[in-house]
Amino acid sequence: MKKILVILGLLGTLLSADILGTIGLGYSRGDNDGNYVTAFGQANFLAGIGIRLEYTKNVDEHKSFSKEDVSRYGVFATYTFSMLPVISITPKAGLVKTDGEFSLKEVAGKLTSSKTRFTYGLEIDYDMNSQFSLFVGYTDYGKKLDIKDVDTKEMDKSNYMVGFKLHI
């Protein structure tokens, strides 16, 4: 009986959300002018409250490196609230694991770094209709990657993103 009540409670919570889920895609330029693509999926559990899984990947090379491969995997708690009928704001906070692999010009071998840090951000959404919205956002990834003997002051620690969301 307890299991049935728990399942009914979870279903009621899920059904109370205005939007059950969101998938999105965004493009960003980091603070060093690097280009990144971000994809995410979000499940909403209560009106406005959700959990988001996010993946960000660089799509170009940094001029100081002969090869730069940066991937970020994140899990965020989100809360979306409407400001106007077509404008909403979504703050997010969570953990992001950043994996980086770098090959330096004129140096043999690869350098790697992997860190997990607290991250936060904010998105402003413009609802085109009930299933599609455009957004601009900011994410701060915390401290720079710490790579032995490499000056990382030019590497991205934050980005501004533009993209779209599909609401399910």
Foldseek 3Di string as FASTA:
>chain_A
DVVVVVVVVQVVQQVQAPFQKKWKKKWWQFPLRWIKIKIKIWGARHHFWIKMWMKMWTDDADPQFPDKTKIKIWIWIWGWDDPDPFKIKIKIKTKIWMWMWTHGPPDDDIWIFIDIDIKIKMKMWGHPDPFKIKIKMKIFQPDFTDIPPDDRPSPGRMIIIIIMMTTD
